[in-house]
């Protein structure tokens, strides 16, 4: 409940404080007395954006402060934010000429977003702009959900809807990336095939170049080797024969002088080594290639390796590293394909859940629509609209798909109204007058209050467009509504003002060159005088009627 509203240097208010209680509080005053400015101030408390024009002329800063009873929910919110709170919630806003206003909650500075979160649900403000919202079809659904207590179900659908949008975005992104990668994948596969066709091996090029060199010199090597072999071993008078003669002579010398035995052995070793060399050369000659067609094959192979180095090198080692990198990139691409399938499966499952949840919500909305229609018609009957008809219409696709469901479900909710007997129900926007809209709004607020309970409702000129007889019914309805909590209404009708438990009057006064608005509580004879003023006309007659209204 709102306990106090204080203003300092706010437009025409110099310094005022308004204390409020439960029940019905009425605010009256002549046109331009500043009643709508109180609504502006309350909007600041409820999170509206500040305007520098709200600062009183000649001052540097405006101040608006409100004191509420702190509910258990609010205390929990503040505790989560690290703000201490006992029984009262004090909200203080400054509007500075510098543009650097501040918001304080129980002395702690908070952001505008945090303020809106804290005050959400504390006050329901029904102003002229909200009466016009009755003409906006997209506003009808939230009112029905509030009456039917379907906030949790709507939140679940909103969460599912947002998750689906996220999955759809990720799926589209992954699909686009896959399509963009198709050309790159084809290129990578072609490059892999090109490398695999050659199948290079580490150190292969050096070995092939050596083979090529031997092949080109095979004939010269054979000739030189043959000469060497014959000289060492095969020809008559070869080195081997001469070494054998020398070995025999040296052996006879050793028989005569044993000190030469070591030399004999050394010569024998030389002979064996020469023989080994001869046989090695012989085997080498026999192993030399005789088929020169290998020459072309090796040259082609070397050319292929050099082409790979040219494109993917500069070395064969680099080519092999690049081939491994291709495999990694292709594997990543295949993983993306798997991710797309996973996203599709998850998306399908979420869409099924969304459709089922939307169908369940639609069923509950249709049930709630019947109750709300009945409740509003009962309230309208009390407001001299007994012969009108009202219906909350809920339209939905019978066999919906996921794309039919929005963030609040798949239903299209609309208030239908018939002002006269025998006329069909039509959209409220097309036929309701200003006075009828005001009473429909009051009936809606009354129905919501009876259904869910309410703390504070503020009506800004709920009496717009109605006559005196209807105003009396509106006053009665406001009085009944205040039994559920706190109702504050700004009114021009004495029939409504007379119903108030508390009566506050606003008056514009001029002191020298300054204009200010003062607030005073009206009691006793002052209240009779205020109602008389509001009635106008012959003072004696008006005073008598005012007294009758108060009784």
Protein backbone atom coordinates (compact mmCIF):
# COMPACT_ATOMS: atom_id res chain seq x y z
CA UNK A 1 0.00 0.00 0.00
CA UNK A 2 1.15 3.54 -0.78
CA UNK A 3 1.55 5.41 2.54
CA UNK A 4 3.01 8.74 1.48
CA UNK A 5 3.88 10.73 -1.61
CA UNK A 6 6.14 13.76 -1.26
CA UNK A 7 7.19 16.33 -3.87
CA UNK A 8 9.73 19.12 -3.78
CA UNK A 9 10.29 21.62 -6.61
CA UNK A 10 8.29 19.39 -8.93
CA UNK A 11 6.75 21.54 -11.72
CA UNK A 12 4.40 23.82 -9.73
CA UNK A 13 4.75 21.99 -6.42
CA UNK A 14 7.16 23.75 -4.10
CA UNK A 15 7.06 21.33 -1.19
CA UNK A 16 4.06 19.10 -0.44
CA UNK A 17 3.43 15.78 1.26
CA UNK A 18 0.39 13.60 0.69
CA UNK A 19 -0.43 10.92 3.29
CA UNK A 20 -2.64 8.05 2.13
CA UNK A 21 -4.54 5.21 3.78
CA UNK A 22 -6.47 2.14 2.76
CA UNK A 23 -9.98 2.56 1.38
CA UNK A 24 -11.03 5.16 -1.20
CA UNK A 25 -9.13 8.43 -1.48
CA UNK A 26 -10.49 11.07 -3.86
CA UNK A 27 -8.48 13.98 -5.26
CA UNK A 28 -10.35 17.00 -6.57
CA UNK A 29 -9.59 20.49 -7.74
CA UNK A 30 -10.33 22.88 -10.54
CA UNK A 31 -9.06 22.15 -14.02
CA UNK A 32 -5.34 22.91 -14.11
CA UNK A 33 -4.97 22.63 -10.35
CA UNK A 34 -2.26 20.01 -10.76
CA UNK A 35 -4.05 16.71 -10.30
CA UNK A 36 -2.39 15.20 -13.40
CA UNK A 37 0.99 16.34 -12.05
CA UNK A 38 0.53 13.99 -9.10
CA UNK A 39 0.07 11.18 -11.61
CA UNK A 40 3.29 12.26 -13.34
CA UNK A 41 5.13 12.15 -10.02
CA UNK A 42 3.76 8.69 -9.25
CA UNK A 43 4.87 7.51 -12.69
CA UNK A 44 8.42 8.56 -11.81
CA UNK A 45 8.23 6.38 -8.72
CA UNK A 46 6.98 3.53 -10.92
CA UNK A 47 9.94 3.81 -13.30
CA UNK A 48 8.96 6.37 -15.95
CA UNK A 49 11.74 8.37 -17.53
CA UNK A 50 12.32 11.81 -16.07
CA UNK A 51 11.88 15.09 -17.97
CA UNK A 52 13.86 18.26 -17.18
CA UNK A 53 10.63 20.23 -17.59
CA UNK A 54 9.47 18.59 -14.36
CA UNK A 55 11.93 20.78 -12.43
CA UNK A 56 10.31 23.85 -10.90
CA UNK A 57 11.39 27.06 -12.60
CA UNK A 58 14.27 28.74 -10.77
CA UNK A 59 15.45 25.57 -9.00
CA UNK A 60 18.20 23.08 -9.84
CA UNK A 61 16.58 19.84 -8.82
CA UNK A 62 13.18 18.20 -8.37
CA UNK A 63 12.52 15.51 -5.79
CA UNK A 64 9.79 12.86 -5.65
CA UNK A 65 9.56 10.44 -2.74
CA UNK A 66 7.13 7.62 -1.97
CA UNK A 67 6.75 5.37 1.05
CA UNK A 68 5.12 1.93 0.68
CA UNK A 69 4.36 -0.89 3.03
CA UNK A 70 6.98 -3.52 2.24
CA UNK A 71 5.47 -6.87 1.34
CA UNK A 72 7.30 -10.14 1.92
CA UNK A 73 8.00 -10.37 -1.82
CA UNK A 74 9.50 -6.88 -1.94
CA UNK A 75 11.65 -7.56 1.13
CA UNK A 76 12.94 -10.70 -0.59
CA UNK A 77 13.78 -8.75 -3.76
CA UNK A 78 15.63 -6.08 -1.81
CA UNK A 79 17.52 -8.69 0.18
CA UNK A 80 18.68 -10.29 -3.09
CA UNK A 81 19.93 -6.84 -4.16
CA UNK A 82 21.76 -6.32 -0.88
CA UNK A 83 19.37 -3.56 0.28
CA UNK A 84 18.10 -3.62 3.85
CA UNK A 85 14.35 -3.38 4.41
CA UNK A 86 12.13 -3.68 7.47
CA UNK A 87 8.48 -2.67 7.21
CA UNK A 88 8.70 0.23 4.78
CA UNK A 89 9.95 0.70 1.24
CA UNK A 90 11.18 4.24 0.59
CA UNK A 91 11.76 5.28 -3.02
CA UNK A 92 13.38 8.63 -3.74
CA UNK A 93 14.04 10.10 -7.19
CA UNK A 94 15.83 13.31 -8.07
CA UNK A 95 15.58 15.10 -11.42
CA UNK A 96 18.57 17.43 -11.89
CA UNK A 97 19.19 20.20 -14.41
CA UNK A 98 22.50 18.51 -15.18
CA UNK A 99 20.58 15.44 -16.35
CA UNK A 100 22.27 13.31 -13.67
CA UNK A 101 19.28 12.33 -11.59
CA UNK A 102 19.49 9.63 -8.94
CA UNK A 103 17.22 6.83 -7.76
CA UNK A 104 17.40 5.70 -4.14
CA UNK A 105 15.66 2.67 -2.63
CA UNK A 106 15.92 2.63 1.17
CA UNK A 107 18.96 4.85 0.81
CA UNK A 108 20.76 2.68 -1.77
CA UNK A 109 21.34 3.94 -5.30
CA UNK A 110 19.69 1.68 -7.91
CA UNK A 111 19.26 1.70 -11.69
CA UNK A 112 16.01 2.50 -13.48
CA UNK A 113 15.75 -1.14 -14.50
CA UNK A 114 16.10 -2.28 -10.88
CA UNK A 115 13.48 0.24 -9.77
CA UNK A 116 10.98 -1.10 -12.28
CA UNK A 117 11.65 -4.61 -11.05
CA UNK A 118 11.09 -3.61 -7.42
CA UNK A 119 7.83 -1.65 -7.94
CA UNK A 120 6.33 -4.14 -10.39
CA UNK A 121 2.95 -5.09 -8.94
CA UNK A 122 2.93 -2.44 -6.18
CA UNK A 123 0.66 0.06 -7.93
CA UNK A 124 -1.76 -0.32 -10.81
CA UNK A 125 -2.11 3.02 -12.57
CA UNK A 126 -5.17 3.41 -14.79
CA UNK A 127 -4.82 6.66 -16.69
CA UNK A 128 -6.23 8.11 -19.88
CA UNK A 129 -3.54 6.34 -21.91
CA UNK A 130 -4.62 3.00 -20.43
CA UNK A 131 -8.26 3.59 -21.32
CA UNK A 132 -7.03 3.88 -24.87
CA UNK A 133 -5.17 0.60 -24.44
CA UNK A 134 -8.60 -1.04 -24.30
CA UNK A 135 -8.69 -0.20 -27.99
CA UNK A 136 -5.44 -2.10 -28.62
CA UNK A 137 -6.15 -5.74 -29.21
CA UNK A 138 -2.66 -6.86 -28.22
CA UNK A 139 -3.36 -5.64 -24.65
CA UNK A 140 -6.43 -7.83 -24.18
CA UNK A 141 -4.52 -11.11 -23.89
CA UNK A 142 -2.33 -10.03 -20.93
CA UNK A 143 -5.43 -8.83 -19.05
CA UNK A 144 -7.11 -12.19 -19.60
CA UNK A 145 -3.99 -14.03 -18.44
CA UNK A 146 -3.77 -11.87 -15.32
CA UNK A 147 -7.41 -12.56 -14.47
CA UNK A 148 -7.00 -16.29 -15.13
CA UNK A 149 -3.74 -16.58 -13.17
CA UNK A 150 -1.86 -17.88 -16.22
CA UNK A 151 1.36 -15.93 -15.75
CA UNK A 152 3.46 -19.07 -15.12
CA UNK A 153 2.10 -20.84 -18.20
CA UNK A 154 2.78 -17.77 -20.37
CA UNK A 155 6.31 -17.49 -18.97
CA UNK A 156 7.00 -21.14 -19.85
CA UNK A 157 5.82 -20.59 -23.43
CA UNK A 158 7.91 -17.42 -23.70
CA UNK A 159 11.00 -19.33 -22.53
CA UNK A 160 10.33 -22.17 -25.00
CA UNK A 161 9.70 -19.67 -27.79
CA UNK A 162 12.99 -17.87 -27.10
CA UNK A 163 14.88 -21.19 -26.92
CA UNK A 164 13.39 -22.19 -30.28
CA UNK A 165 14.34 -18.86 -31.82
CA UNK A 166 17.88 -19.39 -30.54
CA UNK A 167 18.01 -22.93 -31.97
CA UNK A 168 16.63 -21.69 -35.28
CA UNK A 169 19.27 -18.97 -35.43
CA UNK A 170 22.04 -21.47 -34.62
CA UNK A 171 20.68 -23.95 -37.17
CA UNK A 172 20.51 -21.28 -39.86
CA UNK A 173 24.02 -20.14 -39.00
CA UNK A 174 25.35 -23.71 -39.13
CA UNK A 175 23.50 -24.40 -42.40
CA UNK A 176 24.81 -21.20 -43.99
CA UNK A 177 28.33 -22.05 -42.83
CA UNK A 178 27.98 -25.52 -44.33
CA UNK A 179 26.77 -24.14 -47.65
CA UNK A 180 29.58 -21.60 -47.70
CA UNK A 181 32.08 -24.39 -46.94
CA UNK A 182 30.95 -26.67 -49.80
CA UNK A 183 33.38 -25.11 -52.30
CA UNK A 184 36.18 -25.17 -49.77
CA UNK A 185 35.47 -28.82 -48.97
CA UNK A 186 35.58 -29.72 -52.67
CA UNK A 187 38.90 -27.90 -52.98
CA UNK A 188 40.31 -29.65 -49.92
CA UNK A 189 39.22 -33.04 -51.22
CA UNK A 190 40.84 -32.36 -54.60
CA UNK A 191 44.06 -31.30 -52.91
CA UNK A 192 43.99 -34.40 -50.71
CA UNK A 193 43.51 -36.59 -53.79
CA UNK A 194 46.39 -34.81 -55.53
CA UNK A 195 48.71 -35.41 -52.59
CA UNK A 196 47.49 -38.99 -52.09
CA UNK A 197 48.02 -39.77 -55.79
CA UNK A 198 51.72 -38.96 -55.42
CA UNK A 199 51.85 -40.31 -51.82
CA UNK A 200 55.17 -38.66 -50.93
CA UNK A 201 57.41 -40.06 -48.21
CA UNK A 202 59.87 -38.29 -45.98
CA UNK A 203 63.41 -38.32 -47.54
CA UNK A 204 62.13 -39.91 -50.76
CA UNK A 205 63.23 -37.07 -53.04
CA UNK A 206 66.87 -37.26 -51.96
CA UNK A 207 66.92 -41.05 -52.48
CA UNK A 208 65.34 -40.74 -55.95
CA UNK A 209 67.80 -38.07 -57.01
CA UNK A 210 70.62 -40.41 -55.98
CA UNK A 211 69.08 -43.27 -58.00
CA UNK A 212 68.66 -40.95 -60.97
CA UNK A 213 72.30 -39.95 -60.81
CA UNK A 214 73.38 -43.63 -60.75
CA UNK A 215 71.11 -44.49 -63.66
CA UNK A 216 72.51 -41.73 -65.81
CA UNK A 217 76.11 -42.86 -65.02
CA UNK A 218 75.45 -46.63 -65.15
CA UNK A 219 77.56 -47.29 -68.28
CA UNK A 220 80.52 -45.30 -67.01
CA UNK A 221 80.27 -46.98 -63.64
CA UNK A 222 80.17 -50.40 -65.30
CA UNK A 223 83.30 -49.67 -67.38
CA UNK A 224 85.26 -48.22 -64.48
CA UNK A 225 84.18 -51.01 -62.17
CA UNK A 226 85.08 -53.69 -64.68
CA UNK A 227 88.57 -52.19 -65.10
CA UNK A 228 89.00 -52.03 -61.35
CA UNK A 229 87.84 -55.63 -60.89
CA UNK A 230 90.14 -56.96 -63.56
CA UNK A 231 93.10 -55.00 -62.24
CA UNK A 232 92.53 -56.19 -58.73
CA UNK A 233 91.62 -59.80 -59.41
CA UNK A 234 90.55 -61.08 -62.81
CA UNK A 235 93.37 -60.20 -65.27
CA UNK A 236 96.63 -62.12 -65.58
CA UNK A 237 99.23 -60.27 -63.57
CA UNK A 238 96.53 -58.65 -61.42
CA UNK A 239 97.32 -57.08 -58.11
CA UNK A 240 96.00 -60.18 -56.40
CA UNK A 241 98.54 -62.42 -58.22
CA UNK A 242 101.40 -60.04 -57.43
CA UNK A 243 100.37 -59.87 -53.79
CA UNK A 244 100.34 -63.69 -53.66
CA UNK A 245 103.97 -63.79 -54.98
CA UNK A 246 105.02 -61.13 -52.47
CA UNK A 247 103.31 -63.06 -49.66
CA UNK A 248 105.22 -66.28 -50.53
CA UNK A 249 108.54 -64.43 -50.61
CA UNK A 250 107.83 -62.63 -47.36
CA UNK A 251 106.81 -65.90 -45.70
CA UNK A 252 110.19 -67.51 -46.64
CA UNK A 253 111.90 -64.45 -45.18
CA UNK A 254 109.96 -64.86 -41.97
CA UNK A 255 111.11 -68.48 -41.79
CA UNK A 256 114.64 -67.14 -41.73
CA UNK A 257 113.84 -64.18 -39.47
CA UNK A 258 110.78 -64.66 -37.19
CA UNK A 259 110.61 -60.91 -36.57
CA UNK A 260 108.91 -60.61 -39.99
CA UNK A 261 105.94 -62.78 -39.04
CA UNK A 262 103.88 -59.68 -38.13
CA UNK A 263 104.65 -58.17 -41.51
CA UNK A 264 103.53 -61.40 -43.20
CA UNK A 265 100.19 -61.16 -41.45
CA UNK A 266 99.80 -57.52 -42.44
CA UNK A 267 100.39 -58.41 -46.09
CA UNK A 268 97.94 -61.25 -45.90
CA UNK A 269 95.36 -58.77 -44.55
CA UNK A 270 96.04 -56.41 -47.44
CA UNK A 271 95.57 -59.30 -49.87
CA UNK A 272 92.28 -60.26 -48.29
CA UNK A 273 91.09 -56.62 -48.38
CA UNK A 274 92.02 -56.29 -52.04
CA UNK A 275 90.13 -59.50 -52.74
CA UNK A 276 87.09 -58.17 -50.77
CA UNK A 277 87.18 -54.92 -52.73
CA UNK A 278 87.38 -56.82 -56.00
CA UNK A 279 84.38 -58.96 -55.15
CA UNK A 280 82.41 -55.91 -53.91
CA UNK A 281 83.12 -54.10 -57.19
CA UNK A 282 82.12 -57.23 -59.10
CA UNK A 283 78.81 -57.46 -57.21
CA UNK A 284 78.22 -53.74 -57.70
CA UNK A 285 78.73 -54.06 -61.45
CA UNK A 286 76.35 -56.96 -61.61
CA UNK A 287 73.74 -54.92 -59.63
CA UNK A 288 73.84 -51.89 -61.93
CA UNK A 289 70.52 -51.40 -63.77
CA UNK A 290 70.46 -52.43 -67.37
CA UNK A 291 66.82 -51.28 -68.00
CA UNK A 292 67.03 -47.54 -68.69
CA UNK A 293 63.19 -47.25 -68.73
CA UNK A 294 63.44 -46.73 -64.95
CA UNK A 295 65.14 -43.44 -65.73
CA UNK A 296 61.89 -41.95 -67.08
CA UNK A 297 59.84 -43.32 -64.18
CA UNK A 298 62.14 -41.77 -61.56
CA UNK A 299 62.25 -38.45 -63.39
CA UNK A 300 58.43 -38.38 -63.46
CA UNK A 301 58.32 -39.19 -59.77
CA UNK A 302 60.76 -36.42 -58.90
CA UNK A 303 58.75 -33.99 -61.05
CA UNK A 304 55.56 -34.94 -59.18
CA UNK A 305 57.24 -34.37 -55.81
CA UNK A 306 58.53 -31.00 -56.92
CA UNK A 307 55.03 -29.97 -58.09
CA UNK A 308 53.66 -30.89 -54.65
CA UNK A 309 56.34 -28.77 -53.00
CA UNK A 310 55.52 -25.92 -55.34
CA UNK A 311 51.84 -25.95 -54.34
CA UNK A 312 51.94 -27.11 -50.74
CA UNK A 313 55.62 -26.85 -49.71
CA UNK A 314 58.26 -25.62 -49.71
CA UNK A 315 59.41 -29.04 -48.44
CA UNK A 316 57.95 -32.56 -48.59
CA UNK A 317 57.63 -32.37 -44.81
CA UNK A 318 55.43 -29.28 -45.26
CA UNK A 319 53.32 -31.18 -47.81
CA UNK A 320 52.73 -34.00 -45.35
CA UNK A 321 51.81 -31.53 -42.59
CA UNK A 322 49.34 -29.82 -44.92
CA UNK A 323 47.79 -33.20 -45.80
CA UNK A 324 47.15 -33.85 -42.12
CA UNK A 325 45.65 -30.37 -41.80
CA UNK A 326 43.22 -31.17 -44.63
CA UNK A 327 42.07 -34.24 -42.74
CA UNK A 328 41.46 -32.15 -39.63
CA UNK A 329 39.47 -29.54 -41.56
CA UNK A 330 37.34 -32.17 -43.24
CA UNK A 331 36.69 -33.84 -39.89
CA UNK A 332 35.56 -30.46 -38.52
CA UNK A 333 33.20 -30.11 -41.46
CA UNK A 334 31.71 -33.54 -40.80
CA UNK A 335 31.27 -32.55 -37.15
CA UNK A 336 29.33 -29.49 -38.30
CA UNK A 337 27.08 -31.78 -40.28
CA UNK A 338 26.51 -33.85 -37.13
CA UNK A 339 25.78 -30.63 -35.19
CA UNK A 340 23.17 -29.63 -37.76
CA UNK A 341 21.41 -32.97 -37.28
CA UNK A 342 21.60 -32.54 -33.51
CA UNK A 343 20.13 -29.03 -33.76
CA UNK A 344 17.30 -30.33 -35.95
CA UNK A 345 16.47 -33.04 -33.41
CA UNK A 346 16.53 -30.60 -30.50
CA UNK A 347 14.48 -28.05 -32.45
CA UNK A 348 11.84 -30.63 -33.33
CA UNK A 349 11.54 -31.71 -29.69
CA UNK A 350 11.23 -28.09 -28.47
CA UNK A 351 8.63 -27.28 -31.13
CA UNK A 352 6.50 -30.24 -30.05
CA UNK A 353 6.68 -29.06 -26.45
CA UNK A 354 5.80 -25.50 -27.52
CA UNK A 355 2.74 -26.59 -29.49
CA UNK A 356 1.50 -28.83 -26.65
CA UNK A 357 2.04 -26.05 -24.09
CA UNK A 358 0.26 -23.53 -26.35
CA UNK A 359 -2.71 -25.87 -26.79
CA UNK A 360 -2.93 -26.37 -23.04
CA UNK A 361 -2.73 -22.60 -22.45
CA UNK A 362 -5.38 -22.00 -25.10
CA UNK A 363 -7.75 -24.38 -23.31
CA UNK A 364 -7.20 -22.59 -20.00
CA UNK A 365 -7.64 -19.19 -21.67
CA UNK A 366 -11.02 -20.18 -23.11
CA UNK A 367 -12.12 -21.27 -19.66
CA UNK A 368 -10.82 -18.02 -18.16
CA UNK A 369 -12.46 -15.99 -20.93
CA UNK A 370 -15.89 -17.32 -19.95
CA UNK A 371 -15.32 -16.36 -16.32
CA UNK A 372 -13.94 -12.90 -17.21
CA UNK A 373 -16.83 -12.22 -19.61
CA UNK A 374 -19.32 -13.10 -16.90
CA UNK A 375 -17.49 -11.02 -14.26
CA UNK A 376 -17.25 -7.91 -16.45
CA UNK A 377 -20.92 -8.12 -17.47
CA UNK A 378 -21.85 -8.26 -13.79
CA UNK A 379 -19.68 -5.20 -13.08
CA UNK A 380 -21.09 -3.31 -16.08
CA UNK A 381 -24.60 -4.02 -14.86
CA UNK A 382 -23.77 -2.12 -11.68
CA UNK A 383 -22.49 0.78 -13.81
CA UNK A 384 -25.82 1.31 -15.66
CA UNK A 385 -24.70 -0.79 -18.62
CA UNK A 386 -26.97 -3.73 -17.84
CA UNK A 387 -28.31 -3.87 -21.38
CA UNK A 388 -24.88 -4.07 -22.94
CA UNK A 389 -23.15 -7.31 -23.78
CA UNK A 390 -19.48 -8.13 -23.37
CA UNK A 391 -17.41 -11.15 -24.36
CA UNK A 392 -13.75 -12.09 -24.27
CA UNK A 393 -13.15 -13.84 -27.59
CA UNK A 394 -10.26 -16.31 -27.91
CA UNK A 395 -9.29 -17.40 -31.42
CA UNK A 396 -6.73 -20.10 -32.13
CA UNK A 397 -5.79 -22.50 -34.91
CA UNK A 398 -7.27 -25.93 -34.18
CA UNK A 399 -4.29 -27.91 -35.48
CA UNK A 400 -1.36 -25.53 -35.02
CA UNK A 401 2.25 -25.98 -35.99
CA UNK A 402 5.19 -24.40 -34.19
CA UNK A 403 5.30 -21.38 -36.51
CA UNK A 404 1.75 -20.49 -35.43
CA UNK A 405 2.87 -20.00 -31.83
CA UNK A 406 4.19 -16.62 -30.66
CA UNK A 407 5.96 -15.63 -27.44
CA UNK A 408 2.62 -15.57 -25.59
CA UNK A 409 1.04 -18.58 -27.26
CA UNK A 410 -1.13 -19.00 -30.33
CA UNK A 411 -4.33 -17.27 -29.21
CA UNK A 412 -5.71 -14.01 -30.52
CA UNK A 413 -7.68 -12.45 -27.66
CA UNK A 414 -10.14 -9.65 -28.29
CA UNK A 415 -12.78 -7.84 -26.21
CA UNK A 416 -16.12 -7.76 -27.98
CA UNK A 417 -18.85 -5.31 -26.99
CA UNK A 418 -22.46 -4.63 -27.85
CA UNK A 419 -23.82 -1.34 -26.43
CA UNK A 420 -27.46 -2.05 -27.28
CA UNK A 421 -29.85 -4.98 -27.13
CA UNK A 422 -30.23 -6.72 -30.46
CA UNK A 423 -26.90 -5.53 -31.84
CA UNK A 424 -24.19 -8.10 -32.50
CA UNK A 425 -20.98 -8.23 -30.54
CA UNK A 426 -18.23 -6.32 -32.30
CA UNK A 427 -14.65 -5.35 -31.46
CA UNK A 428 -14.61 -2.83 -28.62
CA UNK A 429 -12.48 -0.48 -30.69
CA UNK A 430 -15.14 0.01 -33.32
CA UNK A 431 -18.20 0.92 -31.25
CA UNK A 432 -17.48 1.92 -27.64
CA UNK A 433 -17.84 5.58 -26.61
CA UNK A 434 -15.47 7.35 -24.21
CA UNK A 435 -17.83 6.94 -21.29
CA UNK A 436 -18.35 3.27 -22.06
CA UNK A 437 -14.58 2.73 -22.27
CA UNK A 438 -14.13 4.27 -18.83
CA UNK A 439 -16.74 1.97 -17.34
CA UNK A 440 -15.35 -1.09 -19.12
CA UNK A 441 -11.93 -0.26 -17.67
CA UNK A 442 -13.41 0.12 -14.20
CA UNK A 443 -15.30 -3.15 -14.61
CA UNK A 444 -12.10 -4.86 -15.75
CA UNK A 445 -10.16 -3.50 -12.77
CA UNK A 446 -12.92 -4.57 -10.40
CA UNK A 447 -12.96 -8.08 -11.88
CA UNK A 448 -9.17 -8.36 -11.60
CA UNK A 449 -9.24 -7.14 -8.01
CA UNK A 450 -11.91 -9.65 -7.01
CA UNK A 451 -9.99 -12.47 -8.70
CA UNK A 452 -6.44 -11.89 -7.54
CA UNK A 453 -6.53 -9.22 -4.85
CA UNK A 454 -4.73 -5.91 -5.28
CA UNK A 455 -2.66 -3.48 -3.22
CA UNK A 456 -3.10 -0.04 -4.76
CA UNK A 457 -5.06 1.19 -7.79
CA UNK A 458 -4.83 4.77 -9.00
CA UNK A 459 -7.52 6.01 -11.42
CA UNK A 460 -6.77 9.16 -13.38
CA UNK A 461 -10.19 10.64 -14.32
CA UNK A 462 -12.09 7.36 -14.52
CA UNK A 463 -15.20 9.55 -14.97
CA UNK A 464 -14.23 10.77 -18.45
CA UNK A 465 -17.19 10.91 -20.82
CA UNK A 466 -19.93 9.95 -18.35
CA UNK A 467 -22.92 11.81 -16.89
CA UNK A 468 -23.93 12.57 -13.32
CA UNK A 469 -26.23 9.59 -12.87
CA UNK A 470 -23.56 7.19 -14.10
CA UNK A 471 -20.96 8.97 -11.96
CA UNK A 472 -22.93 7.98 -8.87
CA UNK A 473 -22.72 4.32 -9.95
CA UNK A 474 -18.99 4.72 -10.68
CA UNK A 475 -18.49 6.15 -7.21
CA UNK A 476 -20.31 3.19 -5.70
CA UNK A 477 -18.15 0.79 -7.71
CA UNK A 478 -14.94 2.55 -6.67
CA UNK A 479 -16.04 2.37 -3.06
CA UNK A 480 -16.72 -1.36 -3.39
CA UNK A 481 -13.38 -1.86 -5.12
CA UNK A 482 -11.55 -0.13 -2.28
CA UNK A 483 -12.65 -2.90 0.07
CA UNK A 484 -9.99 -5.06 -1.62
CA UNK A 485 -7.19 -2.61 -0.88
CA UNK A 486 -6.32 1.00 -1.58
CA UNK A 487 -8.00 3.02 -4.34
CA UNK A 488 -6.99 6.57 -5.26
CA UNK A 489 -9.01 8.40 -7.89
CA UNK A 490 -8.82 11.83 -9.50
CA UNK A 491 -12.31 13.02 -10.29
CA UNK A 492 -14.40 16.04 -11.39
CA UNK A 493 -17.68 14.52 -10.20
CA UNK A 494 -19.04 15.28 -6.74
CA UNK A 495 -21.06 12.04 -6.95
CA UNK A 496 -17.74 10.16 -6.94
CA UNK A 497 -15.93 12.48 -4.52
CA UNK A 498 -18.70 12.03 -1.95
CA UNK A 499 -17.96 8.31 -1.77
CA UNK A 500 -14.36 8.82 -0.65
CA UNK A 501 -13.12 7.75 2.76
CA UNK A 502 -10.53 10.51 2.42
CA UNK A 503 -10.80 13.68 0.38
CA UNK A 504 -7.78 15.64 -0.83
CA UNK A 505 -8.16 18.96 -2.66
CA UNK A 506 -5.53 20.65 -4.84
CA UNK A 507 -5.46 24.38 -5.35
CA UNK A 508 -3.29 26.67 -7.45
CA UNK A 509 -2.15 29.85 -5.64
CA UNK A 510 -0.15 32.87 -6.82
CA UNK A 511 2.35 34.59 -4.52
CA UNK A 512 3.95 37.57 -6.16
CA UNK A 513 5.53 36.33 -9.37
CA UNK A 514 5.35 32.66 -8.41
CA UNK A 515 2.60 30.11 -8.91
CA UNK A 516 2.37 27.11 -6.60
CA UNK A 517 0.05 24.20 -5.96
CA UNK A 518 -1.00 23.37 -2.44
CA UNK A 519 -2.60 20.19 -1.14
CA UNK A 520 -5.03 20.07 1.75
CA UNK A 521 -7.12 17.39 3.36
CA UNK A 522 -10.81 18.23 3.17
CA UNK A 523 -12.94 17.35 6.20
CA UNK A 524 -16.26 18.32 7.76
CA UNK A 525 -17.76 21.54 6.38
CA UNK A 526 -14.76 21.97 4.09
CA UNK A 527 -15.83 18.82 2.29
CA UNK A 528 -19.36 20.15 1.91
CA UNK A 529 -17.94 23.37 0.46
CA UNK A 530 -15.71 21.47 -1.99
CA UNK A 531 -18.63 19.37 -3.26
CA UNK A 532 -20.70 22.53 -3.60
CA UNK A 533 -17.95 24.09 -5.69
CA UNK A 534 -17.79 21.01 -7.87
CA UNK A 535 -21.55 21.04 -8.45
CA UNK A 536 -21.59 24.71 -9.51
CA UNK A 537 -24.80 26.52 -10.46
CA UNK A 538 -27.08 27.94 -7.79
CA UNK A 539 -25.11 27.78 -4.56
CA UNK A 540 -28.05 27.07 -2.30
CA UNK A 541 -29.30 24.24 -4.47
CA UNK A 542 -25.81 22.88 -4.97
CA UNK A 543 -25.10 22.99 -1.23
CA UNK A 544 -28.28 21.08 -0.48
CA UNK A 545 -27.44 18.41 -3.06
CA UNK A 546 -23.88 18.21 -1.76
CA UNK A 547 -25.20 17.56 1.72
CA UNK A 548 -27.47 14.84 0.35
CA UNK A 549 -24.52 13.21 -1.43
CA UNK A 550 -22.46 13.19 1.75
CA UNK A 551 -25.30 11.56 3.67
